[in-house]
N, C-alpha and C. Protein backbone atom coordinates (compact mmCIF):
# COMPACT_ATOMS: atom_id res chain seq x y z
N MET A 1 0.80 -1.05 0.09
CA MET A 1 0.04 0.02 0.06
C MET A 1 0.89 1.15 0.06
N TRP A 2 0.37 2.36 -0.64
CA TRP A 2 1.10 3.43 -0.59
C TRP A 2 0.97 4.36 0.56
N CYS A 3 1.89 5.15 0.80
CA CYS A 3 1.86 6.04 1.84
C CYS A 3 0.84 7.08 1.71
N ILE A 4 0.18 7.52 2.88
CA ILE A 4 -0.95 8.55 2.80
C ILE A 4 -0.29 9.85 2.52
N GLY A 5 0.96 10.08 2.93
CA GLY A 5 1.59 11.29 2.77
C GLY A 5 1.91 11.83 1.42
N THR A 6 1.85 10.81 0.55
CA THR A 6 2.15 11.20 -0.90
C THR A 6 1.05 12.20 -1.51
N LYS A 7 -0.13 11.94 -1.19
CA LYS A 7 -1.36 12.90 -1.63
C LYS A 7 -0.96 14.22 -1.10
N LYS A 8 -0.63 14.33 0.06
CA LYS A 8 -0.55 15.71 0.78
C LYS A 8 0.83 16.29 0.17
N SER A 9 1.81 15.66 -0.06
CA SER A 9 2.99 16.36 -0.60
C SER A 9 2.78 16.67 -2.08
N ASP A 10 1.87 15.88 -2.84
CA ASP A 10 1.54 16.40 -4.17
C ASP A 10 0.79 17.72 -4.30
N GLU A 11 -0.06 17.87 -3.19
CA GLU A 11 -0.89 19.13 -3.19
C GLU A 11 0.06 20.39 -2.83
N VAL A 12 1.05 19.99 -1.86
CA VAL A 12 2.01 21.11 -1.53
C VAL A 12 2.91 21.53 -2.74
N ASP A 13 3.25 20.44 -3.55
CA ASP A 13 4.07 20.84 -4.66
C ASP A 13 3.28 21.65 -5.66
N ILE A 14 1.98 21.41 -5.91
CA ILE A 14 1.28 22.15 -6.75
C ILE A 14 1.00 23.61 -6.36
N VAL A 15 0.86 23.74 -5.08
CA VAL A 15 0.87 25.20 -4.44
C VAL A 15 2.10 25.89 -4.69
N ARG A 16 3.25 25.26 -4.40
CA ARG A 16 4.48 25.83 -4.50
C ARG A 16 4.75 26.26 -5.95
N GLU A 17 4.49 25.41 -6.87
CA GLU A 17 4.72 25.71 -8.28
C GLU A 17 3.77 26.86 -8.74
N HIS A 18 2.55 26.79 -8.27
CA HIS A 18 1.67 28.09 -8.58
C HIS A 18 2.23 29.43 -8.02
N VAL A 19 2.74 29.38 -6.90
CA VAL A 19 3.38 30.56 -6.29
C VAL A 19 4.71 30.96 -7.19
N GLN A 20 5.39 30.14 -7.45
CA GLN A 20 6.64 30.38 -8.29
C GLN A 20 6.22 30.99 -9.66
N HIS A 21 5.07 30.44 -10.13
CA HIS A 21 4.61 30.95 -11.51
C HIS A 21 4.14 32.33 -11.40
N LEU A 22 3.36 32.75 -10.26
CA LEU A 22 2.95 34.06 -10.15
C LEU A 22 4.07 35.05 -9.84
N ILE A 23 5.14 34.67 -9.16
CA ILE A 23 6.29 35.56 -9.02
C ILE A 23 7.03 35.82 -10.30
N LYS A 24 7.07 34.67 -11.14
CA LYS A 24 7.79 34.91 -12.46
C LYS A 24 6.92 35.82 -13.40
N LEU A 25 5.63 35.79 -13.25
CA LEU A 25 4.85 36.52 -14.04
C LEU A 25 4.96 38.17 -13.68
N GLN A 26 5.19 38.30 -12.26
CA GLN A 26 5.32 39.75 -11.89
C GLN A 26 6.65 40.25 -12.14
N THR A 27 7.73 39.49 -12.10
CA THR A 27 9.02 40.02 -12.45
C THR A 27 9.56 39.89 -13.74
N MET A 28 8.78 39.30 -14.82
CA MET A 28 9.29 39.01 -16.04
C MET A 28 9.31 40.50 -16.83
N LYS A 29 10.37 40.51 -17.77
CA LYS A 29 10.54 41.62 -18.67
C LYS A 29 9.60 41.44 -19.91
N SER A 30 9.18 42.54 -20.51
CA SER A 30 8.36 42.25 -21.76
C SER A 30 9.38 42.19 -22.95
N PHE A 31 8.94 41.45 -23.86
CA PHE A 31 9.72 41.34 -25.12
C PHE A 31 9.37 42.38 -25.99
N ILE A 32 8.29 43.15 -25.94
CA ILE A 32 7.95 44.32 -26.76
C ILE A 32 8.33 45.60 -26.13
N ASN A 33 8.88 46.41 -27.03
CA ASN A 33 9.30 47.83 -26.56
C ASN A 33 7.95 48.63 -26.44
N THR A 34 7.76 48.87 -25.22
CA THR A 34 6.45 49.79 -24.86
C THR A 34 6.91 51.19 -24.52
N ASN A 35 7.99 51.71 -24.71
CA ASN A 35 8.48 52.98 -24.50
C ASN A 35 7.94 53.88 -25.60
N PRO A 36 7.56 55.21 -25.32
CA PRO A 36 7.15 56.09 -26.34
C PRO A 36 8.15 56.25 -27.49
N PRO A 37 7.78 56.68 -28.68
CA PRO A 37 8.70 56.90 -29.71
C PRO A 37 9.63 58.01 -29.40
N LYS A 38 10.87 57.94 -30.04
CA LYS A 38 11.92 58.96 -29.90
C LYS A 38 11.27 60.30 -30.46
N GLN A 39 11.59 61.48 -29.98
CA GLN A 39 11.25 62.73 -30.46
C GLN A 39 12.30 63.14 -31.36
N VAL A 40 11.86 63.32 -32.61
CA VAL A 40 12.82 63.76 -33.67
C VAL A 40 12.76 65.33 -33.80
N LEU A 41 14.05 65.85 -34.04
CA LEU A 41 14.09 67.35 -34.03
C LEU A 41 13.46 68.04 -35.09
N HIS A 42 13.50 67.62 -36.24
CA HIS A 42 12.78 68.28 -37.31
C HIS A 42 11.19 68.30 -37.29
N LEU A 43 10.70 67.46 -36.43
CA LEU A 43 9.23 67.49 -36.27
C LEU A 43 8.98 68.49 -35.11
N ARG A 44 9.78 68.59 -34.14
CA ARG A 44 9.74 69.59 -33.12
C ARG A 44 9.58 71.04 -33.57
N LYS A 45 10.54 71.34 -34.56
CA LYS A 45 10.57 72.61 -35.02
C LYS A 45 9.43 73.07 -35.93
N LYS A 46 8.96 72.15 -36.78
CA LYS A 46 7.84 72.47 -37.76
C LYS A 46 6.67 71.64 -37.35
N PRO A 47 5.84 72.20 -36.41
CA PRO A 47 4.66 71.39 -36.04
C PRO A 47 3.73 71.25 -37.23
N LYS A 48 2.94 70.11 -37.28
CA LYS A 48 1.94 69.94 -38.32
C LYS A 48 0.74 70.88 -38.19
N LYS A 49 0.26 71.17 -39.39
CA LYS A 49 -0.97 72.05 -39.32
C LYS A 49 -2.12 71.32 -38.74
N SER A 50 -2.90 71.93 -38.03
CA SER A 50 -4.09 71.32 -37.43
C SER A 50 -5.06 70.85 -38.47
N ALA A 51 -5.64 69.71 -38.07
CA ALA A 51 -6.71 69.10 -39.02
C ALA A 51 -7.86 70.23 -39.06
N THR A 52 -8.28 70.88 -38.11
CA THR A 52 -9.37 71.75 -38.26
C THR A 52 -9.07 72.80 -39.32
N HIS A 53 -7.77 73.27 -39.48
CA HIS A 53 -7.53 74.26 -40.50
C HIS A 53 -7.69 73.76 -41.85
N SER A 54 -7.16 72.55 -42.02
CA SER A 54 -7.21 72.01 -43.41
C SER A 54 -8.68 71.62 -43.70
N GLY A 55 -9.52 71.38 -42.70
CA GLY A 55 -10.87 70.87 -42.90
C GLY A 55 -11.73 72.07 -43.23
N SER A 56 -11.44 73.21 -42.72
CA SER A 56 -12.18 74.52 -43.02
C SER A 56 -11.87 74.93 -44.44
N LEU A 57 -10.59 74.77 -44.85
CA LEU A 57 -10.20 75.06 -46.26
C LEU A 57 -11.22 74.08 -47.24
N VAL A 58 -11.21 72.87 -46.86
CA VAL A 58 -12.11 72.07 -47.76
C VAL A 58 -13.42 72.48 -47.78
N GLN A 59 -14.02 72.79 -46.63
CA GLN A 59 -15.38 73.27 -46.54
C GLN A 59 -15.67 74.50 -47.37
N LEU A 60 -14.75 75.43 -47.33
CA LEU A 60 -14.83 76.60 -48.16
C LEU A 60 -14.82 76.44 -49.66
N GLU A 61 -13.92 75.59 -50.06
CA GLU A 61 -13.88 75.15 -51.51
C GLU A 61 -15.12 74.44 -51.96
N ASN A 62 -15.67 73.54 -51.07
CA ASN A 62 -16.85 72.92 -51.44
C ASN A 62 -18.05 73.90 -51.40
N GLN A 63 -18.15 74.83 -50.57
CA GLN A 63 -19.22 75.89 -50.78
C GLN A 63 -19.12 76.70 -52.04
N ILE A 64 -17.90 77.02 -52.39
CA ILE A 64 -17.84 77.77 -53.59
C ILE A 64 -18.19 76.92 -54.80
N LEU A 65 -17.84 75.71 -54.92
CA LEU A 65 -18.22 74.87 -55.93
C LEU A 65 -19.71 74.64 -56.09
N LEU A 66 -20.27 74.55 -54.84
CA LEU A 66 -21.79 74.32 -54.69
C LEU A 66 -22.43 75.58 -55.29
N LYS A 67 -21.94 76.78 -55.04
CA LYS A 67 -22.61 78.07 -55.51
C LYS A 67 -22.58 77.99 -57.07
N LYS A 68 -21.41 77.69 -57.68
CA LYS A 68 -21.25 77.77 -58.93
C LYS A 68 -22.20 76.79 -59.61
N MET A 69 -22.42 75.55 -59.06
CA MET A 69 -23.38 74.55 -59.63
C MET A 69 -24.77 75.07 -59.53
N TYR A 70 -25.10 75.79 -58.43
CA TYR A 70 -26.45 76.25 -58.44
C TYR A 70 -26.74 77.45 -59.45
N GLU A 71 -25.62 78.12 -59.63
CA GLU A 71 -25.85 79.22 -60.69
C GLU A 71 -26.00 78.67 -62.00
N ILE A 72 -25.46 77.47 -62.44
CA ILE A 72 -25.44 76.99 -63.68
C ILE A 72 -26.96 76.33 -63.81
N ASP A 73 -27.45 75.64 -62.75
CA ASP A 73 -28.77 75.02 -62.77
C ASP A 73 -29.77 75.95 -62.84
N SER A 74 -29.65 77.15 -62.25
CA SER A 74 -30.80 78.13 -62.27
C SER A 74 -30.81 79.07 -63.53
N ARG A 75 -29.83 79.01 -64.27
CA ARG A 75 -29.90 79.86 -65.66
C ARG A 75 -30.91 79.36 -66.52
N PRO A 76 -31.73 80.21 -67.26
CA PRO A 76 -32.74 79.82 -68.13
C PRO A 76 -32.02 79.21 -69.30
N ILE A 77 -32.71 78.19 -69.98
CA ILE A 77 -32.28 77.44 -70.99
C ILE A 77 -32.42 78.32 -72.31
N ASN A 78 -31.35 78.59 -73.03
CA ASN A 78 -31.46 79.33 -74.21
C ASN A 78 -31.49 78.30 -75.42
N MET A 79 -32.65 78.30 -76.12
CA MET A 79 -32.73 77.49 -77.31
C MET A 79 -31.93 77.71 -78.42
N ALA A 80 -31.56 78.92 -78.49
CA ALA A 80 -30.46 79.36 -79.64
C ALA A 80 -29.24 78.58 -79.50
N ARG A 81 -28.81 78.16 -78.25
CA ARG A 81 -27.50 77.57 -78.18
C ARG A 81 -27.33 76.10 -78.47
N LEU A 82 -28.72 75.54 -78.44
CA LEU A 82 -28.78 74.05 -78.62
C LEU A 82 -28.56 73.81 -80.08
N PRO A 83 -27.74 72.74 -80.33
CA PRO A 83 -27.43 72.39 -81.78
C PRO A 83 -28.65 71.58 -82.34
N GLN A 84 -28.95 71.95 -83.59
CA GLN A 84 -30.03 71.25 -84.20
C GLN A 84 -29.56 69.76 -84.65
N SER A 85 -30.53 68.85 -84.49
CA SER A 85 -30.11 67.50 -84.74
C SER A 85 -30.20 67.35 -86.11
N SER A 86 -29.20 66.58 -86.74
CA SER A 86 -29.11 66.45 -87.99
C SER A 86 -29.87 65.25 -88.66
N SER A 87 -30.65 64.49 -87.93
CA SER A 87 -31.30 63.33 -88.38
C SER A 87 -32.42 63.71 -89.29
N PHE A 88 -33.13 64.80 -89.18
CA PHE A 88 -34.19 65.25 -89.91
C PHE A 88 -33.83 65.69 -91.27
N LYS A 89 -32.54 66.11 -91.25
CA LYS A 89 -31.98 66.66 -92.59
C LYS A 89 -31.16 65.68 -93.39
N SER A 90 -31.27 64.48 -93.00
CA SER A 90 -30.53 63.42 -93.66
C SER A 90 -30.84 63.21 -95.10
N LEU A 91 -29.95 63.04 -95.97
CA LEU A 91 -30.25 62.84 -97.36
C LEU A 91 -30.62 61.48 -97.81
N ASN A 92 -30.13 60.46 -96.91
CA ASN A 92 -30.33 59.09 -97.27
C ASN A 92 -31.33 58.38 -96.41
N ARG A 93 -32.19 59.25 -95.76
CA ARG A 93 -33.25 58.68 -94.92
C ARG A 93 -34.07 57.66 -95.57
N ASN A 94 -34.50 58.00 -96.78
CA ASN A 94 -35.50 57.18 -97.53
C ASN A 94 -34.85 55.91 -97.96
N SER A 95 -33.63 55.98 -98.30
CA SER A 95 -32.96 54.72 -98.66
C SER A 95 -32.72 53.79 -97.48
N ARG A 96 -32.39 54.38 -96.30
CA ARG A 96 -32.34 53.57 -95.00
C ARG A 96 -33.70 52.84 -94.68
N ILE A 97 -34.84 53.60 -94.81
CA ILE A 97 -36.15 53.13 -94.57
C ILE A 97 -36.40 51.95 -95.50
N LYS A 98 -36.16 52.10 -96.86
CA LYS A 98 -36.25 51.02 -97.73
C LYS A 98 -35.55 49.90 -97.46
N ASN A 99 -34.20 49.95 -97.06
CA ASN A 99 -33.56 48.79 -96.60
C ASN A 99 -34.00 48.16 -95.37
N LEU A 100 -34.42 48.85 -94.44
CA LEU A 100 -35.13 48.29 -93.26
C LEU A 100 -36.25 47.51 -93.51
N THR A 101 -37.21 48.06 -94.42
CA THR A 101 -38.32 47.32 -94.83
C THR A 101 -38.03 46.08 -95.57
N LYS A 102 -36.96 46.12 -96.50
CA LYS A 102 -36.62 44.95 -97.24
C LYS A 102 -36.12 43.89 -96.36
N ILE A 103 -35.35 44.28 -95.30
CA ILE A 103 -34.71 43.21 -94.33
C ILE A 103 -35.83 42.57 -93.53
N SER A 104 -36.91 43.42 -93.08
CA SER A 104 -37.96 42.77 -92.26
C SER A 104 -38.79 41.92 -93.08
N GLU A 105 -38.96 42.26 -94.28
CA GLU A 105 -39.71 41.25 -95.30
C GLU A 105 -38.93 40.04 -95.47
N GLU A 106 -37.75 40.09 -95.68
CA GLU A 106 -36.88 38.81 -95.81
C GLU A 106 -36.90 37.97 -94.43
N ASN A 107 -36.75 38.65 -93.36
CA ASN A 107 -36.96 37.96 -92.09
C ASN A 107 -38.25 37.24 -91.88
N GLN A 108 -39.41 37.93 -92.36
CA GLN A 108 -40.72 37.41 -92.22
C GLN A 108 -40.79 36.16 -93.06
N GLY A 109 -40.22 36.22 -94.28
CA GLY A 109 -40.22 35.04 -95.28
C GLY A 109 -39.41 33.92 -94.73
N LEU A 110 -38.30 34.12 -94.06
CA LEU A 110 -37.55 33.14 -93.53
C LEU A 110 -38.27 32.44 -92.38
N LEU A 111 -38.95 33.26 -91.67
CA LEU A 111 -39.78 32.72 -90.42
C LEU A 111 -40.85 31.83 -91.04
N THR A 112 -41.63 32.15 -91.93
CA THR A 112 -42.62 31.28 -92.51
C THR A 112 -42.06 29.96 -93.15
N ARG A 113 -40.93 29.98 -93.76
CA ARG A 113 -40.32 28.94 -94.39
C ARG A 113 -39.92 27.96 -93.27
N LEU A 114 -39.37 28.54 -92.09
CA LEU A 114 -39.02 27.62 -91.07
C LEU A 114 -40.11 26.92 -90.39
N GLN A 115 -41.24 27.61 -90.32
CA GLN A 115 -42.48 27.08 -89.72
C GLN A 115 -43.16 26.12 -90.54
N ARG A 116 -42.94 26.15 -91.89
CA ARG A 116 -43.67 25.16 -92.72
C ARG A 116 -42.77 23.86 -92.92
N THR A 117 -41.59 23.87 -92.69
CA THR A 117 -40.70 22.69 -92.83
C THR A 117 -41.01 21.62 -91.79
N LYS A 118 -40.93 20.27 -92.21
CA LYS A 118 -41.20 19.33 -91.34
C LYS A 118 -39.90 18.83 -90.83
N SER A 119 -40.02 18.22 -89.51
CA SER A 119 -38.77 17.70 -88.97
C SER A 119 -38.15 16.58 -89.73
N SER A 120 -36.81 16.49 -89.59
CA SER A 120 -36.11 15.44 -90.27
C SER A 120 -35.85 14.24 -89.27
N TYR A 121 -36.22 14.42 -88.05
CA TYR A 121 -36.15 13.38 -87.03
C TYR A 121 -37.32 12.47 -87.03
N SER A 122 -37.17 11.16 -86.79
CA SER A 122 -38.12 10.33 -86.71
C SER A 122 -38.20 9.69 -85.30
N THR A 123 -39.46 10.09 -84.61
CA THR A 123 -39.43 9.61 -83.25
C THR A 123 -39.75 8.07 -83.26
N LYS A 124 -40.45 7.56 -84.40
CA LYS A 124 -40.73 6.23 -84.38
C LYS A 124 -39.42 5.35 -84.52
N ALA A 125 -38.37 5.93 -85.18
CA ALA A 125 -37.21 5.19 -85.34
C ALA A 125 -36.52 5.18 -84.07
N TRP A 126 -36.45 6.31 -83.22
CA TRP A 126 -35.99 6.37 -82.08
C TRP A 126 -36.55 5.37 -81.04
N ASP A 127 -37.96 5.25 -81.20
CA ASP A 127 -38.55 4.20 -80.29
C ASP A 127 -38.13 2.86 -80.50
N LYS A 128 -38.05 2.54 -81.89
CA LYS A 128 -37.56 1.18 -82.32
C LYS A 128 -36.19 0.79 -81.86
N GLU A 129 -35.37 1.84 -81.99
CA GLU A 129 -33.93 1.71 -81.51
C GLU A 129 -33.88 1.52 -80.05
N HIS A 130 -34.69 2.30 -79.25
CA HIS A 130 -34.61 2.17 -77.86
C HIS A 130 -35.09 0.81 -77.41
N GLU A 131 -36.08 0.19 -78.15
CA GLU A 131 -36.69 -1.04 -77.76
C GLU A 131 -35.51 -2.21 -77.99
N PHE A 132 -34.85 -2.09 -79.17
CA PHE A 132 -33.93 -3.05 -79.53
C PHE A 132 -32.69 -3.11 -78.61
N LYS A 133 -32.30 -1.81 -78.12
CA LYS A 133 -31.07 -1.61 -77.27
C LYS A 133 -31.55 -2.08 -75.85
N SER A 134 -32.80 -1.91 -75.34
CA SER A 134 -33.19 -2.49 -74.09
C SER A 134 -33.29 -3.95 -74.18
N TYR A 135 -33.71 -4.56 -75.39
CA TYR A 135 -33.64 -6.16 -75.51
C TYR A 135 -32.22 -6.66 -75.41
N LEU A 136 -31.29 -5.91 -76.07
CA LEU A 136 -29.82 -6.50 -76.01
C LEU A 136 -29.33 -6.29 -74.52
N LYS A 137 -29.75 -5.16 -73.91
CA LYS A 137 -29.33 -5.06 -72.61
C LYS A 137 -29.81 -6.16 -71.69
N ASN A 138 -31.04 -6.55 -71.77
CA ASN A 138 -31.71 -7.64 -71.00
C ASN A 138 -30.95 -8.87 -71.33
N LYS A 139 -30.77 -9.28 -72.67
CA LYS A 139 -30.13 -10.53 -72.91
C LYS A 139 -28.62 -10.63 -72.46
N LEU A 140 -27.84 -9.44 -72.39
CA LEU A 140 -26.61 -9.42 -71.88
C LEU A 140 -26.64 -9.78 -70.38
N SER A 141 -27.53 -9.15 -69.75
CA SER A 141 -27.61 -9.31 -68.36
C SER A 141 -27.93 -10.70 -68.01
N GLN A 142 -28.83 -11.37 -68.75
CA GLN A 142 -29.24 -12.79 -68.56
C GLN A 142 -28.12 -13.80 -68.82
N ASN A 143 -27.31 -13.38 -69.90
CA ASN A 143 -26.28 -14.33 -70.26
C ASN A 143 -25.01 -14.07 -69.29
N SER A 144 -25.03 -13.04 -68.59
CA SER A 144 -23.78 -12.91 -67.70
C SER A 144 -24.07 -13.85 -66.54
N ARG A 145 -25.22 -14.36 -66.22
CA ARG A 145 -25.50 -15.13 -65.12
C ARG A 145 -25.23 -16.72 -65.44
N ARG A 146 -24.97 -16.93 -66.80
CA ARG A 146 -24.81 -18.25 -67.37
C ARG A 146 -23.31 -18.78 -67.18
N ILE A 147 -22.41 -17.87 -66.66
CA ILE A 147 -20.97 -18.23 -66.53
C ILE A 147 -20.86 -19.28 -65.53
N PRO A 148 -20.37 -20.44 -65.63
CA PRO A 148 -20.24 -21.42 -64.54
C PRO A 148 -19.26 -20.96 -63.48
N ARG A 149 -19.53 -21.40 -62.24
CA ARG A 149 -18.78 -20.98 -61.16
C ARG A 149 -17.78 -22.15 -60.88
N ILE A 150 -16.49 -21.82 -60.47
CA ILE A 150 -15.49 -22.97 -60.25
C ILE A 150 -15.62 -23.32 -58.80
N ALA A 151 -15.95 -24.59 -58.54
CA ALA A 151 -16.01 -25.07 -57.32
C ALA A 151 -14.68 -25.52 -56.71
N SER A 152 -13.86 -26.21 -57.39
CA SER A 152 -12.62 -26.62 -56.89
C SER A 152 -11.76 -26.77 -58.09
N PHE A 153 -10.47 -27.00 -57.72
CA PHE A 153 -9.46 -27.18 -58.72
C PHE A 153 -8.83 -28.62 -58.34
N THR A 154 -8.89 -29.67 -59.36
CA THR A 154 -8.35 -30.81 -59.01
C THR A 154 -6.79 -30.95 -59.33
N MET A 155 -6.08 -31.81 -58.76
CA MET A 155 -4.75 -32.07 -58.98
C MET A 155 -4.51 -32.53 -60.30
N THR A 156 -5.44 -33.12 -61.05
CA THR A 156 -5.20 -33.71 -62.42
C THR A 156 -5.21 -32.53 -63.41
N GLY A 157 -5.46 -31.30 -62.98
CA GLY A 157 -5.52 -30.27 -63.99
C GLY A 157 -6.77 -29.86 -64.41
N GLY A 158 -7.81 -30.44 -63.88
CA GLY A 158 -9.23 -30.16 -64.28
C GLY A 158 -9.96 -29.36 -63.32
N PHE A 159 -10.89 -28.64 -63.68
CA PHE A 159 -11.80 -27.93 -62.74
C PHE A 159 -13.06 -28.67 -62.55
N GLY A 160 -13.32 -28.68 -61.25
CA GLY A 160 -14.65 -29.32 -60.81
C GLY A 160 -15.67 -28.19 -60.83
N LEU A 161 -16.57 -28.29 -61.71
CA LEU A 161 -17.70 -27.29 -61.87
C LEU A 161 -18.94 -27.53 -61.03
N SER A 162 -19.42 -26.51 -60.57
CA SER A 162 -20.57 -26.65 -59.56
C SER A 162 -21.77 -26.76 -60.43
N ASN A 163 -22.88 -27.42 -59.84
CA ASN A 163 -23.97 -27.45 -60.59
C ASN A 163 -24.85 -26.10 -60.63
N THR A 164 -24.85 -25.44 -61.73
CA THR A 164 -25.43 -24.19 -61.68
C THR A 164 -26.73 -24.27 -62.43
N SER A 165 -27.73 -23.56 -62.05
CA SER A 165 -29.02 -23.70 -62.69
C SER A 165 -29.11 -22.51 -63.61
N PHE A 166 -29.58 -22.63 -64.79
CA PHE A 166 -29.74 -21.66 -65.71
C PHE A 166 -31.27 -21.10 -65.70
N SER A 167 -31.62 -20.23 -64.87
CA SER A 167 -32.91 -19.82 -64.81
C SER A 167 -33.20 -18.82 -65.83
N LYS A 168 -34.47 -18.75 -66.37
CA LYS A 168 -34.96 -17.68 -67.34
C LYS A 168 -35.78 -16.78 -66.57
N SER A 169 -35.21 -15.87 -66.01
CA SER A 169 -36.08 -14.79 -65.18
C SER A 169 -36.76 -13.77 -66.10
N GLY A 170 -36.18 -13.63 -67.28
CA GLY A 170 -36.75 -12.68 -68.21
C GLY A 170 -37.35 -13.43 -69.42
N ALA A 171 -38.14 -14.53 -69.20
CA ALA A 171 -38.72 -15.34 -70.27
C ALA A 171 -39.83 -14.50 -71.00
N GLY A 172 -40.44 -13.51 -70.43
CA GLY A 172 -41.50 -12.78 -70.92
C GLY A 172 -41.07 -11.75 -71.91
N PHE A 173 -39.76 -11.63 -72.08
CA PHE A 173 -39.26 -10.35 -72.90
C PHE A 173 -38.91 -11.12 -74.24
N GLU A 174 -39.58 -10.61 -75.24
CA GLU A 174 -39.32 -11.10 -76.54
C GLU A 174 -38.49 -10.24 -77.41
N ARG A 175 -37.80 -10.77 -78.44
CA ARG A 175 -36.96 -10.14 -79.28
C ARG A 175 -37.89 -9.13 -80.23
N PRO A 176 -37.54 -7.83 -80.32
CA PRO A 176 -38.35 -6.99 -81.12
C PRO A 176 -38.07 -7.31 -82.71
N ASN A 177 -39.00 -6.95 -83.49
CA ASN A 177 -38.93 -7.06 -84.90
C ASN A 177 -37.90 -6.09 -85.43
N THR A 178 -36.89 -6.53 -85.85
CA THR A 178 -35.73 -5.76 -86.53
C THR A 178 -35.65 -6.00 -88.08
N SER A 179 -36.60 -6.48 -88.62
CA SER A 179 -36.39 -6.85 -90.11
C SER A 179 -36.32 -5.68 -90.75
N GLN A 180 -36.92 -4.57 -90.49
CA GLN A 180 -36.96 -3.36 -91.17
C GLN A 180 -35.62 -2.54 -90.76
N LYS A 181 -35.13 -1.86 -91.70
CA LYS A 181 -33.91 -1.05 -91.35
C LYS A 181 -34.36 0.24 -90.70
N LEU A 182 -33.51 0.54 -89.65
CA LEU A 182 -33.69 1.79 -88.79
C LEU A 182 -33.38 3.03 -89.73
N LYS A 183 -34.05 4.11 -89.68
CA LYS A 183 -33.74 5.21 -90.35
C LYS A 183 -33.07 6.21 -89.20
N LEU A 184 -31.86 6.57 -89.28
CA LEU A 184 -31.40 7.46 -88.20
C LEU A 184 -31.16 8.97 -88.70
């Protein structure tokens, strides 16, 4: 059996380590320099302008610009200064209108021709092809079950095959009529 005093000595060691930790925290030196920055002579001689002085200059300039903008907006509009648009005086306006009507007529004719044409795709052929491919898929899955399983290997070099039953689970599925050629 262990001595009862070990538990008490462990508690004393923990308290002593905690006290040492607190003393080290109080007496440790910082790795970061927390002193104020050095005073540079050229900055002492020429103090920076106060922010309020520069702010008041900006305010004054903004007020002057605002007054100018208000004066421009409040002026009456002089129609004599506005340039006349040249679209009404165009010499080729009639030819442009003729070209636009010709283009729109051609587009309308193209639209009617597209609407009248019949589709070159045959959905019946697609259905027959899908039926034939599903038939082949089913037959392949049935035939994959027909591979005999190897039960054992004899020393004479022959394989002993297990008795496998060849069930016809898809007996109701018949081969589709593919005597006609499919049009793709």
